[in-house]
Amino acid sequence: VVDTTVVVDADGLVSADVARAPLRRVQTPQGFERATLVAAYARAHGAAAEFTDDASVVRAAGVPVHTVAGDERAAKITVAHDLRLAELQL
């Protein structure tokens, strides 16, 4: 993670700095064996936890998740603004 990262309280005041060395940004797509992913989602069904990606579902099922190097150019398109930015790069 290149950007400075901090913890903020409910009022938006910075309460702590976060060491960047152990942090990683997570990109998609993410790869898992199909059986592992299906079992993890079945186990997570109805869970109160909020999952933000496949890796968080798999980790919640107790399966170790390993990382591989990503690429900053692999932009995730989630909202309309992301699509506009991607179109500008073409």
N, C-alpha and C. Protein backbone atom coordinates (compact mmCIF):
# COMPACT_ATOMS: atom_id res chain seq x y z
N VAL A 1 0.86 -1.17 0.00
CA VAL A 1 0.00 0.00 0.00
C VAL A 1 0.90 1.23 0.00
N VAL A 2 0.69 2.10 -0.95
CA VAL A 2 1.53 3.29 -1.11
C VAL A 2 0.99 4.45 -0.28
N ASP A 3 -0.32 4.64 -0.28
CA ASP A 3 -0.92 5.77 0.44
C ASP A 3 -0.76 5.62 1.95
N THR A 4 -0.65 6.76 2.64
CA THR A 4 -0.69 6.74 4.09
C THR A 4 -2.06 6.23 4.51
N THR A 5 -2.07 5.36 5.50
CA THR A 5 -3.32 4.76 5.95
C THR A 5 -3.48 5.05 7.44
N VAL A 6 -4.67 5.47 7.84
CA VAL A 6 -4.93 5.81 9.23
C VAL A 6 -6.23 5.19 9.70
N VAL A 7 -6.40 5.16 11.02
CA VAL A 7 -7.66 4.75 11.64
C VAL A 7 -8.35 6.02 12.08
N VAL A 8 -9.66 6.13 11.83
CA VAL A 8 -10.42 7.30 12.26
C VAL A 8 -11.54 6.88 13.20
N ASP A 9 -11.94 7.81 14.07
CA ASP A 9 -13.05 7.53 14.97
C ASP A 9 -14.37 7.92 14.31
N ALA A 10 -15.47 7.81 15.05
CA ALA A 10 -16.80 8.08 14.51
C ALA A 10 -16.96 9.52 14.03
N ASP A 11 -16.13 10.43 14.57
CA ASP A 11 -16.21 11.83 14.17
C ASP A 11 -15.27 12.17 13.02
N GLY A 12 -14.56 11.16 12.51
CA GLY A 12 -13.63 11.39 11.41
C GLY A 12 -12.27 11.89 11.84
N LEU A 13 -12.00 11.88 13.15
CA LEU A 13 -10.69 12.32 13.64
C LEU A 13 -9.71 11.16 13.59
N VAL A 14 -8.50 11.44 13.15
CA VAL A 14 -7.47 10.40 13.08
C VAL A 14 -7.11 9.97 14.50
N SER A 15 -7.19 8.66 14.74
CA SER A 15 -6.87 8.14 16.06
C SER A 15 -5.60 7.30 16.07
N ALA A 16 -5.15 6.85 14.90
CA ALA A 16 -3.92 6.05 14.85
C ALA A 16 -3.41 5.95 13.42
N ASP A 17 -2.10 5.80 13.31
CA ASP A 17 -1.49 5.50 12.02
C ASP A 17 -1.42 3.99 11.87
N VAL A 18 -1.40 3.52 10.63
CA VAL A 18 -1.34 2.09 10.36
C VAL A 18 -0.04 1.81 9.61
N ALA A 19 0.72 0.83 10.10
CA ALA A 19 1.95 0.44 9.41
C ALA A 19 1.58 -0.15 8.05
N ARG A 20 2.23 0.31 7.00
CA ARG A 20 1.90 -0.14 5.65
C ARG A 20 2.56 -1.45 5.25
N ALA A 21 3.67 -1.79 5.86
CA ALA A 21 4.46 -2.95 5.42
C ALA A 21 3.64 -4.24 5.29
N PRO A 22 2.76 -4.57 6.26
CA PRO A 22 2.03 -5.83 6.12
C PRO A 22 0.74 -5.72 5.31
N LEU A 23 0.41 -4.54 4.81
CA LEU A 23 -0.85 -4.34 4.10
C LEU A 23 -0.71 -4.60 2.61
N ARG A 24 -1.78 -5.11 2.02
CA ARG A 24 -1.85 -5.31 0.57
C ARG A 24 -3.23 -4.90 0.09
N ARG A 25 -3.29 -4.29 -1.09
CA ARG A 25 -4.58 -4.06 -1.76
C ARG A 25 -4.94 -5.35 -2.45
N VAL A 26 -6.20 -5.70 -2.42
CA VAL A 26 -6.65 -6.95 -3.01
C VAL A 26 -7.38 -6.65 -4.31
N GLN A 27 -7.01 -7.37 -5.35
CA GLN A 27 -7.61 -7.16 -6.66
C GLN A 27 -8.46 -8.36 -7.05
N THR A 28 -9.26 -8.17 -8.06
CA THR A 28 -10.02 -9.26 -8.65
C THR A 28 -9.59 -9.38 -10.11
N PRO A 29 -9.74 -10.50 -10.74
CA PRO A 29 -10.39 -11.70 -10.22
C PRO A 29 -9.49 -12.44 -9.22
N GLN A 30 -10.14 -13.28 -8.43
CA GLN A 30 -9.45 -14.12 -7.47
C GLN A 30 -9.69 -15.57 -7.86
N GLY A 31 -8.69 -16.41 -7.67
CA GLY A 31 -8.82 -17.79 -8.13
C GLY A 31 -8.86 -18.79 -6.99
N PHE A 32 -9.82 -19.70 -7.06
CA PHE A 32 -9.96 -20.77 -6.08
C PHE A 32 -10.42 -22.02 -6.80
N GLU A 33 -10.15 -23.17 -6.21
CA GLU A 33 -10.73 -24.40 -6.73
C GLU A 33 -12.24 -24.28 -6.56
N ARG A 34 -12.98 -24.72 -7.55
CA ARG A 34 -14.44 -24.57 -7.54
C ARG A 34 -15.06 -25.17 -6.29
N ALA A 35 -14.66 -26.38 -5.92
CA ALA A 35 -15.24 -27.05 -4.76
C ALA A 35 -15.01 -26.25 -3.48
N THR A 36 -13.83 -25.65 -3.35
CA THR A 36 -13.52 -24.83 -2.18
C THR A 36 -14.43 -23.62 -2.12
N LEU A 37 -14.60 -22.96 -3.26
CA LEU A 37 -15.42 -21.75 -3.31
C LEU A 37 -16.90 -22.06 -3.04
N VAL A 38 -17.41 -23.12 -3.66
CA VAL A 38 -18.82 -23.51 -3.46
C VAL A 38 -19.06 -23.86 -1.99
N ALA A 39 -18.16 -24.62 -1.38
CA ALA A 39 -18.32 -25.01 0.02
C ALA A 39 -18.26 -23.79 0.93
N ALA A 40 -17.36 -22.85 0.63
CA ALA A 40 -17.24 -21.65 1.46
C ALA A 40 -18.50 -20.80 1.39
N TYR A 41 -19.06 -20.63 0.19
CA TYR A 41 -20.30 -19.85 0.06
C TYR A 41 -21.47 -20.56 0.72
N ALA A 42 -21.52 -21.88 0.65
CA ALA A 42 -22.60 -22.62 1.31
C ALA A 42 -22.52 -22.42 2.81
N ARG A 43 -21.31 -22.45 3.34
CA ARG A 43 -21.11 -22.26 4.78
C ARG A 43 -21.45 -20.83 5.20
N ALA A 44 -21.18 -19.87 4.33
CA ALA A 44 -21.41 -18.46 4.65
C ALA A 44 -22.86 -18.04 4.50
N HIS A 45 -23.66 -18.84 3.80
CA HIS A 45 -25.06 -18.48 3.54
C HIS A 45 -25.79 -18.20 4.85
N GLY A 46 -26.36 -17.02 4.98
CA GLY A 46 -27.09 -16.65 6.18
C GLY A 46 -26.22 -16.10 7.29
N ALA A 47 -24.91 -16.03 7.07
CA ALA A 47 -24.01 -15.50 8.09
C ALA A 47 -24.23 -14.00 8.25
N ALA A 48 -24.02 -13.52 9.46
CA ALA A 48 -24.19 -12.10 9.74
C ALA A 48 -23.01 -11.27 9.24
N ALA A 49 -21.91 -11.91 8.94
CA ALA A 49 -20.71 -11.20 8.49
C ALA A 49 -20.93 -10.58 7.12
N GLU A 50 -20.20 -9.50 6.86
CA GLU A 50 -20.25 -8.87 5.54
C GLU A 50 -18.99 -9.25 4.78
N PHE A 51 -19.16 -9.87 3.63
CA PHE A 51 -18.03 -10.30 2.83
C PHE A 51 -17.87 -9.35 1.65
N THR A 52 -16.64 -8.95 1.38
CA THR A 52 -16.40 -7.99 0.31
C THR A 52 -15.84 -8.63 -0.96
N ASP A 53 -15.44 -9.89 -0.87
CA ASP A 53 -14.91 -10.58 -2.04
C ASP A 53 -14.88 -12.08 -1.77
N ASP A 54 -14.54 -12.85 -2.79
CA ASP A 54 -14.47 -14.30 -2.63
C ASP A 54 -13.46 -14.70 -1.57
N ALA A 55 -12.33 -14.01 -1.51
CA ALA A 55 -11.29 -14.37 -0.55
C ALA A 55 -11.79 -14.24 0.89
N SER A 56 -12.60 -13.24 1.18
CA SER A 56 -13.10 -13.09 2.55
C SER A 56 -14.06 -14.22 2.91
N VAL A 57 -14.82 -14.70 1.93
CA VAL A 57 -15.72 -15.84 2.16
C VAL A 57 -14.90 -17.10 2.43
N VAL A 58 -13.88 -17.32 1.63
CA VAL A 58 -13.04 -18.51 1.78
C VAL A 58 -12.29 -18.47 3.12
N ARG A 59 -11.75 -17.31 3.49
CA ARG A 59 -11.06 -17.19 4.78
C ARG A 59 -12.00 -17.45 5.94
N ALA A 60 -13.23 -16.95 5.84
CA ALA A 60 -14.22 -17.18 6.91
C ALA A 60 -14.53 -18.66 7.08
N ALA A 61 -14.34 -19.43 6.01
CA ALA A 61 -14.56 -20.87 6.07
C ALA A 61 -13.34 -21.60 6.64
N GLY A 62 -12.32 -20.84 7.00
CA GLY A 62 -11.14 -21.44 7.61
C GLY A 62 -10.07 -21.91 6.63
N VAL A 63 -10.21 -21.52 5.38
CA VAL A 63 -9.25 -21.94 4.35
C VAL A 63 -8.18 -20.85 4.20
N PRO A 64 -6.89 -21.21 4.29
CA PRO A 64 -5.84 -20.21 4.10
C PRO A 64 -5.89 -19.64 2.68
N VAL A 65 -5.67 -18.34 2.57
CA VAL A 65 -5.67 -17.66 1.28
C VAL A 65 -4.29 -17.07 1.05
N HIS A 66 -3.67 -17.42 -0.06
CA HIS A 66 -2.34 -16.91 -0.41
C HIS A 66 -2.48 -15.78 -1.42
N THR A 67 -1.50 -14.90 -1.44
CA THR A 67 -1.52 -13.79 -2.39
C THR A 67 -0.50 -13.99 -3.50
N VAL A 68 -0.73 -13.33 -4.60
CA VAL A 68 0.22 -13.26 -5.70
C VAL A 68 0.35 -11.79 -6.09
N ALA A 69 1.41 -11.45 -6.75
CA ALA A 69 1.61 -10.06 -7.16
C ALA A 69 0.52 -9.64 -8.14
N GLY A 70 0.04 -8.41 -7.98
CA GLY A 70 -0.98 -7.87 -8.87
C GLY A 70 -0.38 -6.83 -9.79
N ASP A 71 -1.24 -6.05 -10.40
CA ASP A 71 -0.81 -5.01 -11.33
C ASP A 71 -1.74 -3.82 -11.17
N GLU A 72 -1.16 -2.65 -10.94
CA GLU A 72 -1.95 -1.44 -10.76
C GLU A 72 -2.87 -1.15 -11.95
N ARG A 73 -2.50 -1.65 -13.13
CA ARG A 73 -3.32 -1.39 -14.31
C ARG A 73 -4.59 -2.24 -14.33
N ALA A 74 -4.69 -3.21 -13.46
CA ALA A 74 -5.87 -4.08 -13.42
C ALA A 74 -6.94 -3.41 -12.56
N ALA A 75 -7.55 -2.39 -13.09
CA ALA A 75 -8.54 -1.60 -12.35
C ALA A 75 -9.86 -2.36 -12.22
N LYS A 76 -10.42 -2.29 -11.03
CA LYS A 76 -11.71 -2.91 -10.77
C LYS A 76 -12.81 -1.94 -11.20
N ILE A 77 -13.78 -2.43 -11.93
CA ILE A 77 -14.90 -1.60 -12.37
C ILE A 77 -16.12 -2.00 -11.56
N THR A 78 -16.48 -1.13 -10.61
CA THR A 78 -17.59 -1.41 -9.70
C THR A 78 -18.74 -0.43 -9.91
N VAL A 79 -18.40 0.83 -10.11
CA VAL A 79 -19.42 1.87 -10.28
C VAL A 79 -19.18 2.59 -11.60
N ALA A 80 -20.14 3.39 -12.02
CA ALA A 80 -20.07 4.08 -13.31
C ALA A 80 -18.79 4.91 -13.46
N HIS A 81 -18.37 5.55 -12.40
CA HIS A 81 -17.15 6.37 -12.45
C HIS A 81 -15.93 5.52 -12.81
N ASP A 82 -15.86 4.30 -12.28
CA ASP A 82 -14.76 3.39 -12.61
C ASP A 82 -14.73 3.09 -14.11
N LEU A 83 -15.89 2.90 -14.69
CA LEU A 83 -15.97 2.61 -16.12
C LEU A 83 -15.49 3.80 -16.94
N ARG A 84 -15.87 5.00 -16.53
CA ARG A 84 -15.43 6.20 -17.25
C ARG A 84 -13.90 6.33 -17.19
N LEU A 85 -13.31 6.05 -16.04
CA LEU A 85 -11.85 6.12 -15.92
C LEU A 85 -11.18 5.08 -16.82
N ALA A 86 -11.74 3.89 -16.87
CA ALA A 86 -11.18 2.83 -17.72
C ALA A 86 -11.27 3.22 -19.19
N GLU A 87 -12.38 3.82 -19.58
CA GLU A 87 -12.55 4.24 -20.98
C GLU A 87 -11.53 5.30 -21.36
N LEU A 88 -11.17 6.17 -20.43
CA LEU A 88 -10.18 7.21 -20.70
C LEU A 88 -8.80 6.62 -20.95
N GLN A 89 -8.54 5.45 -20.39
CA GLN A 89 -7.23 4.82 -20.55
C GLN A 89 -7.10 4.04 -21.85
N LEU A 90 -8.22 3.81 -22.53
CA LEU A 90 -8.16 3.04 -23.78
C LEU A 90 -7.63 3.86 -24.93
